[in-house]
Amino acid sequence: MPFSWIEVALEEYKTLRQEILQSMQAQQAIVNYGLAVVGVLLGVAFNSWQQTVPATVLLLAFVPIVCYLVLFVWLGEIARMMRAGQYLKQLEEKISSKFPNESPPLAWENYLREPVARAGTPQMVWNYIAVVGLFLLAAIVAVVVGNIRIFNEVERSTLIWLNTVESTFFIACVVYIFVTGSRFR
């Protein structure tokens, strides 16, 4: 006996809801592991403060790179979740159109995209801003502390060159965050 369209659509709906849940778990894991790695790197950098090269390399290279990589991977998971949610919104509308005289049987993704719903749950936006801010701040603090560590030990031209490279990576990361984030609205 062949499956009906609605049965297939509901199975697809369930599968995509599961993918969204997996993406949310992956987001949490990425943030947790990222914080752990950044914490370990900062701890090692401060424990090796008396040795210029290891402390400086950790603070000026590894901590910012890890922060940016965590943000890139984390935003990729958010994009995955949002794509699935957008597709589910369209699927909900198709399924609901099969029941024109009843209240929509599936409406969660459509509800989340209503202006009233977004206004009622702004905490998600603030959660995302907090994660981005935390990792960007960690990168900035590491670079500032790394500059303090080598300030009297290298030529000013080296510091200028180094901070130009650091600023370029930071700006590229921020642009990526805004470009990627603008797709979620």
N, C-alpha and C. Protein backbone atom coordinates (compact mmCIF):
# COMPACT_ATOMS: atom_id res chain seq x y z
N MET A 1 0.84 -1.18 0.00
CA MET A 1 0.00 0.00 0.00
C MET A 1 0.88 1.24 0.00
N PRO A 2 0.70 2.12 -0.98
CA PRO A 2 1.55 3.32 -1.06
C PRO A 2 1.22 4.30 0.08
N PHE A 3 2.24 5.04 0.45
CA PHE A 3 2.07 6.05 1.49
C PHE A 3 1.36 7.26 0.90
N SER A 4 0.58 7.93 1.74
CA SER A 4 -0.07 9.15 1.29
C SER A 4 0.93 10.31 1.39
N TRP A 5 0.63 11.38 0.68
CA TRP A 5 1.49 12.56 0.72
C TRP A 5 1.66 13.05 2.15
N ILE A 6 0.60 13.10 2.91
CA ILE A 6 0.64 13.63 4.26
C ILE A 6 1.53 12.77 5.17
N GLU A 7 1.51 11.46 4.98
CA GLU A 7 2.36 10.58 5.78
C GLU A 7 3.84 10.83 5.49
N VAL A 8 4.15 10.98 4.22
CA VAL A 8 5.53 11.26 3.83
C VAL A 8 5.96 12.63 4.35
N ALA A 9 5.08 13.61 4.22
CA ALA A 9 5.40 14.97 4.70
C ALA A 9 5.60 14.98 6.21
N LEU A 10 4.79 14.25 6.95
CA LEU A 10 4.95 14.20 8.41
C LEU A 10 6.24 13.49 8.81
N GLU A 11 6.62 12.48 8.04
CA GLU A 11 7.89 11.80 8.34
C GLU A 11 9.07 12.74 8.07
N GLU A 12 8.97 13.49 6.99
CA GLU A 12 10.01 14.48 6.70
C GLU A 12 10.04 15.54 7.81
N TYR A 13 8.90 15.95 8.26
CA TYR A 13 8.80 16.94 9.34
C TYR A 13 9.50 16.42 10.60
N LYS A 14 9.21 15.18 10.96
CA LYS A 14 9.84 14.58 12.15
C LYS A 14 11.36 14.51 11.99
N THR A 15 11.80 14.12 10.81
CA THR A 15 13.24 14.00 10.56
C THR A 15 13.93 15.36 10.68
N LEU A 16 13.32 16.39 10.13
CA LEU A 16 13.92 17.72 10.21
C LEU A 16 13.87 18.28 11.62
N ARG A 17 12.82 17.98 12.39
CA ARG A 17 12.78 18.40 13.79
C ARG A 17 13.94 17.75 14.54
N GLN A 18 14.21 16.49 14.23
CA GLN A 18 15.33 15.79 14.87
C GLN A 18 16.66 16.43 14.48
N GLU A 19 16.78 16.83 13.22
CA GLU A 19 18.01 17.50 12.78
C GLU A 19 18.20 18.82 13.52
N ILE A 20 17.12 19.54 13.74
CA ILE A 20 17.21 20.80 14.50
C ILE A 20 17.69 20.53 15.92
N LEU A 21 17.15 19.49 16.54
CA LEU A 21 17.58 19.15 17.90
C LEU A 21 19.05 18.75 17.93
N GLN A 22 19.49 18.00 16.93
CA GLN A 22 20.91 17.62 16.86
C GLN A 22 21.79 18.85 16.66
N SER A 23 21.32 19.77 15.86
CA SER A 23 22.08 21.00 15.65
C SER A 23 22.19 21.81 16.94
N MET A 24 21.11 21.86 17.70
CA MET A 24 21.14 22.59 18.97
C MET A 24 22.12 21.93 19.95
N GLN A 25 22.15 20.61 19.97
CA GLN A 25 23.11 19.90 20.82
C GLN A 25 24.54 20.17 20.36
N ALA A 26 24.74 20.18 19.06
CA ALA A 26 26.07 20.46 18.52
C ALA A 26 26.51 21.89 18.87
N GLN A 27 25.58 22.84 18.79
CA GLN A 27 25.90 24.22 19.15
C GLN A 27 26.40 24.29 20.59
N GLN A 28 25.68 23.61 21.49
CA GLN A 28 26.06 23.62 22.90
C GLN A 28 27.42 22.97 23.10
N ALA A 29 27.66 21.86 22.42
CA ALA A 29 28.95 21.17 22.54
C ALA A 29 30.08 22.04 22.02
N ILE A 30 29.85 22.72 20.90
CA ILE A 30 30.88 23.59 20.33
C ILE A 30 31.25 24.69 21.30
N VAL A 31 30.25 25.32 21.90
CA VAL A 31 30.52 26.38 22.86
C VAL A 31 31.26 25.81 24.07
N ASN A 32 30.81 24.68 24.59
CA ASN A 32 31.47 24.08 25.76
C ASN A 32 32.92 23.73 25.49
N TYR A 33 33.17 23.02 24.38
CA TYR A 33 34.54 22.64 24.05
C TYR A 33 35.39 23.88 23.73
N GLY A 34 34.79 24.83 23.05
CA GLY A 34 35.52 26.06 22.75
C GLY A 34 35.95 26.80 23.99
N LEU A 35 35.04 26.92 24.94
CA LEU A 35 35.39 27.57 26.20
C LEU A 35 36.47 26.80 26.95
N ALA A 36 36.38 25.48 26.93
CA ALA A 36 37.39 24.67 27.61
C ALA A 36 38.77 24.86 26.98
N VAL A 37 38.83 24.83 25.65
CA VAL A 37 40.11 24.98 24.97
C VAL A 37 40.68 26.38 25.20
N VAL A 38 39.85 27.40 25.09
CA VAL A 38 40.32 28.77 25.34
C VAL A 38 40.81 28.90 26.78
N GLY A 39 40.07 28.33 27.72
CA GLY A 39 40.49 28.37 29.12
C GLY A 39 41.83 27.69 29.34
N VAL A 40 42.03 26.53 28.73
CA VAL A 40 43.30 25.82 28.86
C VAL A 40 44.42 26.64 28.24
N LEU A 41 44.19 27.18 27.04
CA LEU A 41 45.23 27.98 26.39
C LEU A 41 45.60 29.21 27.21
N LEU A 42 44.60 29.88 27.77
CA LEU A 42 44.90 31.04 28.61
C LEU A 42 45.65 30.62 29.86
N GLY A 43 45.25 29.51 30.45
CA GLY A 43 45.95 29.01 31.64
C GLY A 43 47.41 28.69 31.35
N VAL A 44 47.66 28.02 30.23
CA VAL A 44 49.04 27.69 29.85
C VAL A 44 49.83 28.97 29.56
N ALA A 45 49.19 29.92 28.89
CA ALA A 45 49.87 31.19 28.57
C ALA A 45 50.28 31.92 29.84
N PHE A 46 49.38 31.98 30.82
CA PHE A 46 49.72 32.69 32.05
C PHE A 46 50.71 31.90 32.90
N ASN A 47 50.67 30.58 32.83
CA ASN A 47 51.65 29.77 33.56
C ASN A 47 53.04 29.87 32.94
N SER A 48 53.11 30.21 31.66
CA SER A 48 54.40 30.36 30.99
C SER A 48 54.74 31.83 30.77
N TRP A 49 54.18 32.71 31.56
CA TRP A 49 54.35 34.15 31.39
C TRP A 49 55.83 34.56 31.37
N GLN A 50 56.66 33.89 32.14
CA GLN A 50 58.08 34.26 32.20
C GLN A 50 58.83 33.90 30.92
N GLN A 51 58.26 33.02 30.12
CA GLN A 51 58.87 32.64 28.85
C GLN A 51 58.14 33.40 27.74
N THR A 52 58.81 34.34 27.16
CA THR A 52 58.17 35.26 26.21
C THR A 52 57.53 34.55 25.02
N VAL A 53 58.25 33.67 24.37
CA VAL A 53 57.75 33.08 23.12
C VAL A 53 56.48 32.24 23.34
N PRO A 54 56.49 31.27 24.27
CA PRO A 54 55.25 30.48 24.42
C PRO A 54 54.04 31.33 24.82
N ALA A 55 54.22 32.22 25.77
CA ALA A 55 53.10 33.05 26.23
C ALA A 55 52.58 33.92 25.09
N THR A 56 53.48 34.51 24.35
CA THR A 56 53.09 35.40 23.25
C THR A 56 52.41 34.64 22.13
N VAL A 57 52.95 33.51 21.76
CA VAL A 57 52.36 32.72 20.67
C VAL A 57 50.95 32.27 21.07
N LEU A 58 50.79 31.82 22.29
CA LEU A 58 49.47 31.38 22.74
C LEU A 58 48.48 32.54 22.73
N LEU A 59 48.90 33.69 23.26
CA LEU A 59 47.99 34.82 23.39
C LEU A 59 47.70 35.52 22.06
N LEU A 60 48.71 35.62 21.22
CA LEU A 60 48.52 36.37 19.97
C LEU A 60 48.10 35.50 18.79
N ALA A 61 48.28 34.20 18.90
CA ALA A 61 47.92 33.34 17.76
C ALA A 61 46.84 32.33 18.13
N PHE A 62 47.14 31.45 19.06
CA PHE A 62 46.25 30.32 19.30
C PHE A 62 44.90 30.72 19.91
N VAL A 63 44.90 31.57 20.91
CA VAL A 63 43.61 31.93 21.52
C VAL A 63 42.70 32.63 20.52
N PRO A 64 43.16 33.66 19.79
CA PRO A 64 42.25 34.28 18.81
C PRO A 64 41.80 33.31 17.71
N ILE A 65 42.71 32.48 17.22
CA ILE A 65 42.35 31.54 16.16
C ILE A 65 41.29 30.56 16.65
N VAL A 66 41.47 30.04 17.86
CA VAL A 66 40.47 29.11 18.41
C VAL A 66 39.14 29.83 18.57
N CYS A 67 39.16 31.06 19.07
CA CYS A 67 37.91 31.82 19.23
C CYS A 67 37.19 32.00 17.91
N TYR A 68 37.93 32.36 16.86
CA TYR A 68 37.31 32.57 15.56
C TYR A 68 36.80 31.25 14.97
N LEU A 69 37.57 30.19 15.11
CA LEU A 69 37.13 28.89 14.59
C LEU A 69 35.88 28.40 15.30
N VAL A 70 35.84 28.58 16.61
CA VAL A 70 34.64 28.19 17.36
C VAL A 70 33.43 28.95 16.83
N LEU A 71 33.58 30.25 16.62
CA LEU A 71 32.46 31.05 16.11
C LEU A 71 32.04 30.60 14.72
N PHE A 72 33.00 30.30 13.84
CA PHE A 72 32.66 29.87 12.49
C PHE A 72 31.88 28.55 12.51
N VAL A 73 32.36 27.58 13.28
CA VAL A 73 31.69 26.29 13.34
C VAL A 73 30.33 26.43 14.01
N TRP A 74 30.27 27.20 15.09
CA TRP A 74 29.01 27.42 15.82
C TRP A 74 27.98 28.09 14.91
N LEU A 75 28.41 29.12 14.16
CA LEU A 75 27.48 29.79 13.24
C LEU A 75 27.04 28.85 12.12
N GLY A 76 27.91 27.93 11.71
CA GLY A 76 27.51 26.94 10.72
C GLY A 76 26.38 26.06 11.23
N GLU A 77 26.45 25.70 12.51
CA GLU A 77 25.37 24.90 13.10
C GLU A 77 24.08 25.72 13.22
N ILE A 78 24.22 26.99 13.54
CA ILE A 78 23.02 27.83 13.60
C ILE A 78 22.40 27.95 12.21
N ALA A 79 23.24 28.11 11.19
CA ALA A 79 22.72 28.19 9.82
C ALA A 79 22.00 26.90 9.45
N ARG A 80 22.57 25.76 9.84
CA ARG A 80 21.92 24.47 9.58
C ARG A 80 20.55 24.41 10.25
N MET A 81 20.48 24.84 11.50
CA MET A 81 19.22 24.83 12.23
C MET A 81 18.20 25.77 11.58
N MET A 82 18.66 26.94 11.18
CA MET A 82 17.74 27.92 10.60
C MET A 82 17.23 27.46 9.23
N ARG A 83 18.09 26.84 8.43
CA ARG A 83 17.64 26.32 7.13
C ARG A 83 16.56 25.27 7.32
N ALA A 84 16.79 24.37 8.26
CA ALA A 84 15.80 23.32 8.52
C ALA A 84 14.50 23.95 9.02
N GLY A 85 14.61 24.94 9.90
CA GLY A 85 13.42 25.62 10.41
C GLY A 85 12.65 26.34 9.33
N GLN A 86 13.36 26.98 8.42
CA GLN A 86 12.69 27.68 7.32
C GLN A 86 11.97 26.68 6.41
N TYR A 87 12.62 25.56 6.16
CA TYR A 87 11.98 24.53 5.33
C TYR A 87 10.74 23.98 6.04
N LEU A 88 10.86 23.76 7.36
CA LEU A 88 9.71 23.26 8.12
C LEU A 88 8.56 24.26 8.10
N LYS A 89 8.87 25.54 8.12
CA LYS A 89 7.83 26.56 8.04
C LYS A 89 7.02 26.38 6.76
N GLN A 90 7.71 26.20 5.65
CA GLN A 90 7.03 25.99 4.37
C GLN A 90 6.26 24.68 4.36
N LEU A 91 6.82 23.65 4.96
CA LEU A 91 6.12 22.36 5.03
C LEU A 91 4.87 22.46 5.89
N GLU A 92 4.97 23.19 7.00
CA GLU A 92 3.79 23.41 7.84
C GLU A 92 2.68 24.09 7.05
N GLU A 93 3.05 25.08 6.24
CA GLU A 93 2.04 25.78 5.45
C GLU A 93 1.39 24.85 4.43
N LYS A 94 2.19 23.99 3.80
CA LYS A 94 1.63 23.03 2.84
C LYS A 94 0.69 22.05 3.53
N ILE A 95 1.13 21.52 4.67
CA ILE A 95 0.29 20.56 5.40
C ILE A 95 -0.98 21.24 5.88
N SER A 96 -0.84 22.44 6.42
CA SER A 96 -2.01 23.16 6.92
C SER A 96 -3.00 23.48 5.82
N SER A 97 -2.50 23.69 4.61
CA SER A 97 -3.42 23.98 3.50
C SER A 97 -4.32 22.79 3.17
N LYS A 98 -3.94 21.61 3.61
CA LYS A 98 -4.76 20.41 3.39
C LYS A 98 -5.94 20.35 4.37
N PHE A 99 -5.91 21.24 5.37
CA PHE A 99 -6.97 21.30 6.38
C PHE A 99 -7.52 22.73 6.44
N PRO A 100 -8.18 23.19 5.38
CA PRO A 100 -8.56 24.60 5.29
C PRO A 100 -9.60 25.05 6.33
N ASN A 101 -10.41 24.16 6.81
CA ASN A 101 -11.48 24.55 7.73
C ASN A 101 -11.13 24.29 9.19
N GLU A 102 -9.88 23.98 9.47
CA GLU A 102 -9.45 23.68 10.84
C GLU A 102 -8.26 24.56 11.20
N SER A 103 -7.98 24.63 12.49
CA SER A 103 -6.78 25.36 12.88
C SER A 103 -5.57 24.56 12.39
N PRO A 104 -4.48 25.24 12.07
CA PRO A 104 -3.33 24.55 11.49
C PRO A 104 -2.83 23.43 12.42
N PRO A 105 -2.66 22.23 11.88
CA PRO A 105 -2.19 21.13 12.72
C PRO A 105 -0.72 21.26 13.11
N LEU A 106 0.06 21.92 12.29
CA LEU A 106 1.47 22.17 12.57
C LEU A 106 1.70 23.67 12.41
N ALA A 107 2.21 24.31 13.46
CA ALA A 107 2.34 25.76 13.38
C ALA A 107 3.55 26.32 14.11
N TRP A 108 4.38 25.50 14.70
CA TRP A 108 5.45 26.00 15.56
C TRP A 108 6.42 26.91 14.81
N GLU A 109 6.95 26.47 13.68
CA GLU A 109 7.93 27.27 12.96
C GLU A 109 7.30 28.57 12.44
N ASN A 110 6.05 28.52 12.03
CA ASN A 110 5.37 29.73 11.61
C ASN A 110 5.17 30.67 12.80
N TYR A 111 4.82 30.12 13.94
CA TYR A 111 4.65 30.93 15.15
C TYR A 111 5.96 31.63 15.52
N LEU A 112 7.07 30.91 15.43
CA LEU A 112 8.37 31.50 15.79
C LEU A 112 8.75 32.67 14.88
N ARG A 113 8.21 32.70 13.69
CA ARG A 113 8.57 33.76 12.74
C ARG A 113 7.58 34.91 12.72
N GLU A 114 6.54 34.83 13.55
CA GLU A 114 5.60 35.94 13.66
C GLU A 114 6.25 37.05 14.48
N PRO A 115 6.02 38.31 14.09
CA PRO A 115 6.61 39.41 14.86
C PRO A 115 6.23 39.38 16.34
N VAL A 116 5.02 38.99 16.65
CA VAL A 116 4.59 38.93 18.05
C VAL A 116 5.39 37.88 18.80
N ALA A 117 5.63 36.74 18.18
CA ALA A 117 6.38 35.67 18.83
C ALA A 117 7.82 36.10 19.06
N ARG A 118 8.42 36.74 18.06
CA ARG A 118 9.81 37.17 18.22
C ARG A 118 9.92 38.21 19.32
N ALA A 119 8.94 39.10 19.39
CA ALA A 119 8.97 40.12 20.44
C ALA A 119 8.80 39.48 21.81
N GLY A 120 8.07 38.37 21.85
CA GLY A 120 7.84 37.72 23.12
C GLY A 120 9.00 36.85 23.58
N THR A 121 9.95 36.53 22.67
CA THR A 121 11.07 35.67 23.05
C THR A 121 12.40 36.26 22.56
N PRO A 122 12.74 37.45 23.01
CA PRO A 122 13.99 38.03 22.52
C PRO A 122 15.23 37.39 23.14
N GLN A 123 15.04 36.51 24.12
CA GLN A 123 16.20 35.94 24.79
C GLN A 123 17.08 35.14 23.83
N MET A 124 16.54 34.58 22.78
CA MET A 124 17.36 33.83 21.83
C MET A 124 18.37 34.74 21.15
N VAL A 125 17.95 35.91 20.77
CA VAL A 125 18.87 36.86 20.15
C VAL A 125 19.97 37.22 21.13
N TRP A 126 19.61 37.47 22.36
CA TRP A 126 20.61 37.82 23.37
C TRP A 126 21.53 36.65 23.68
N ASN A 127 21.04 35.42 23.62
CA ASN A 127 21.90 34.26 23.80
C ASN A 127 22.97 34.21 22.72
N TYR A 128 22.55 34.45 21.48
CA TYR A 128 23.50 34.42 20.37
C TYR A 128 24.51 35.56 20.49
N ILE A 129 24.02 36.73 20.84
CA ILE A 129 24.92 37.88 21.01
C ILE A 129 25.92 37.60 22.14
N ALA A 130 25.46 36.97 23.20
CA ALA A 130 26.35 36.67 24.33
C ALA A 130 27.46 35.72 23.91
N VAL A 131 27.14 34.69 23.15
CA VAL A 131 28.17 33.73 22.72
C VAL A 131 29.18 34.42 21.80
N VAL A 132 28.68 35.16 20.83
CA VAL A 132 29.58 35.87 19.92
C VAL A 132 30.44 36.85 20.71
N GLY A 133 29.81 37.62 21.59
CA GLY A 133 30.55 38.60 22.38
C GLY A 133 31.60 37.95 23.27
N LEU A 134 31.27 36.83 23.85
CA LEU A 134 32.21 36.13 24.74
C LEU A 134 33.48 35.72 23.99
N PHE A 135 33.31 35.10 22.83
CA PHE A 135 34.49 34.64 22.09
C PHE A 135 35.26 35.79 21.46
N LEU A 136 34.56 36.82 20.98
CA LEU A 136 35.27 37.98 20.44
C LEU A 136 36.02 38.71 21.55
N LEU A 137 35.39 38.83 22.71
CA LEU A 137 36.06 39.48 23.85
C LEU A 137 37.28 38.68 24.30
N ALA A 138 37.16 37.37 24.32
CA ALA A 138 38.30 36.53 24.70
C ALA A 138 39.46 36.74 23.73
N ALA A 139 39.15 36.84 22.43
CA ALA A 139 40.19 37.08 21.44
C ALA A 139 40.85 38.44 21.65
N ILE A 140 40.02 39.46 21.89
CA ILE A 140 40.56 40.81 22.11
C ILE A 140 41.43 40.86 23.36
N VAL A 141 40.94 40.29 24.44
CA VAL A 141 41.71 40.30 25.70
C VAL A 141 43.03 39.57 25.51
N ALA A 142 43.02 38.43 24.83
CA ALA A 142 44.25 37.69 24.60
C ALA A 142 45.26 38.53 23.80
N VAL A 143 44.77 39.22 22.79
CA VAL A 143 45.67 40.05 21.97
C VAL A 143 46.22 41.21 22.79
N VAL A 144 45.37 41.86 23.58
CA VAL A 144 45.84 42.98 24.41
C VAL A 144 46.89 42.50 25.41
N VAL A 145 46.60 41.39 26.09
CA VAL A 145 47.55 40.86 27.07
C VAL A 145 48.83 40.41 26.38
N GLY A 146 48.70 39.80 25.19
CA GLY A 146 49.89 39.41 24.43
C GLY A 146 50.73 40.61 24.05
N ASN A 147 50.09 41.72 23.68
CA ASN A 147 50.81 42.94 23.37
C ASN A 147 51.53 43.49 24.60
N ILE A 148 50.86 43.42 25.73
CA ILE A 148 51.49 43.87 26.97
C ILE A 148 52.72 43.03 27.26
N ARG A 149 52.62 41.72 27.02
CA ARG A 149 53.74 40.82 27.31
C ARG A 149 54.95 41.15 26.47
N ILE A 150 54.78 41.51 25.20
CA ILE A 150 55.95 41.72 24.33
C ILE A 150 56.25 43.20 24.07
N PHE A 151 55.51 44.09 24.70
CA PHE A 151 55.63 45.51 24.39
C PHE A 151 57.07 46.01 24.46
N ASN A 152 57.79 45.66 25.49
CA ASN A 152 59.17 46.15 25.67
C ASN A 152 60.22 45.22 25.06
N GLU A 153 59.79 44.19 24.37
CA GLU A 153 60.75 43.20 23.88
C GLU A 153 60.87 43.15 22.37
N VAL A 154 60.01 43.88 21.66
CA VAL A 154 60.10 43.89 20.20
C VAL A 154 60.04 45.33 19.71
N GLU A 155 60.46 45.51 18.47
CA GLU A 155 60.42 46.85 17.87
C GLU A 155 58.97 47.27 17.62
N ARG A 156 58.74 48.56 17.62
CA ARG A 156 57.39 49.08 17.40
C ARG A 156 56.86 48.69 16.03
N SER A 157 57.72 48.64 15.03
CA SER A 157 57.26 48.25 13.69
C SER A 157 56.73 46.81 13.70
N THR A 158 57.35 45.96 14.50
CA THR A 158 56.88 44.58 14.62
C THR A 158 55.51 44.56 15.29
N LEU A 159 55.33 45.37 16.31
CA LEU A 159 54.03 45.45 16.98
C LEU A 159 52.95 45.97 16.04
N ILE A 160 53.30 46.98 15.25
CA ILE A 160 52.34 47.54 14.30
C ILE A 160 51.94 46.48 13.27
N TRP A 161 52.93 45.77 12.73
CA TRP A 161 52.65 44.72 11.76
C TRP A 161 51.79 43.62 12.38
N LEU A 162 52.16 43.19 13.57
CA LEU A 162 51.44 42.13 14.26
C LEU A 162 49.99 42.53 14.54
N ASN A 163 49.80 43.76 15.01
CA ASN A 163 48.44 44.22 15.32
C ASN A 163 47.62 44.48 14.06
N THR A 164 48.27 44.80 12.96
CA THR A 164 47.56 44.92 11.68
C THR A 164 47.02 43.56 11.26
N VAL A 165 47.84 42.53 11.40
CA VAL A 165 47.39 41.17 11.07
C VAL A 165 46.26 40.76 12.01
N GLU A 166 46.42 41.00 13.31
CA GLU A 166 45.38 40.66 14.28
C GLU A 166 44.08 41.39 13.96
N SER A 167 44.18 42.67 13.64
CA SER A 167 42.98 43.46 13.33
C SER A 167 42.30 42.96 12.07
N THR A 168 43.08 42.54 11.09
CA THR A 168 42.52 42.02 9.85
C THR A 168 41.71 40.76 10.12
N PHE A 169 42.27 39.85 10.91
CA PHE A 169 41.54 38.63 11.25
C PHE A 169 40.28 38.95 12.06
N PHE A 170 40.39 39.87 12.99
CA PHE A 170 39.24 40.24 13.81
C PHE A 170 38.12 40.84 12.94
N ILE A 171 38.49 41.77 12.06
CA ILE A 171 37.50 42.41 11.19
C ILE A 171 36.88 41.38 10.25
N ALA A 172 37.68 40.48 9.72
CA ALA A 172 37.14 39.44 8.84
C ALA A 172 36.14 38.57 9.59
N CYS A 173 36.45 38.24 10.83
CA CYS A 173 35.54 37.43 11.64
C CYS A 173 34.24 38.19 11.90
N VAL A 174 34.34 39.46 12.26
CA VAL A 174 33.14 40.25 12.53
C VAL A 174 32.28 40.40 11.27
N VAL A 175 32.91 40.62 10.14
CA VAL A 175 32.16 40.72 8.88
C VAL A 175 31.45 39.39 8.59
N TYR A 176 32.17 38.29 8.76
CA TYR A 176 31.56 36.97 8.56
C TYR A 176 30.35 36.79 9.48
N ILE A 177 30.48 37.18 10.72
CA ILE A 177 29.39 37.05 11.69
C ILE A 177 28.18 37.86 11.23
N PHE A 178 28.40 39.10 10.82
CA PHE A 178 27.27 39.95 10.40
C PHE A 178 26.65 39.45 9.09
N VAL A 179 27.47 39.02 8.16
CA VAL A 179 26.93 38.52 6.89
C VAL A 179 26.13 37.24 7.14
N THR A 180 26.69 36.33 7.91
CA THR A 180 25.99 35.09 8.21
C THR A 180 24.75 35.35 9.05
N GLY A 181 24.87 36.21 10.04
CA GLY A 181 23.74 36.52 10.91
C GLY A 181 22.61 37.22 10.19
N SER A 182 22.92 38.01 9.17
CA SER A 182 21.86 38.71 8.44
C SER A 182 20.97 37.74 7.67
N ARG A 183 21.48 36.56 7.37
CA ARG A 183 20.66 35.56 6.67
C ARG A 183 19.61 34.93 7.60
N PHE A 184 19.78 35.08 8.90
CA PHE A 184 18.89 34.44 9.85
C PHE A 184 17.65 35.26 10.13
N ARG A 185 17.60 36.49 9.69
CA ARG A 185 16.48 37.36 10.04
C ARG A 185 15.29 37.13 9.17
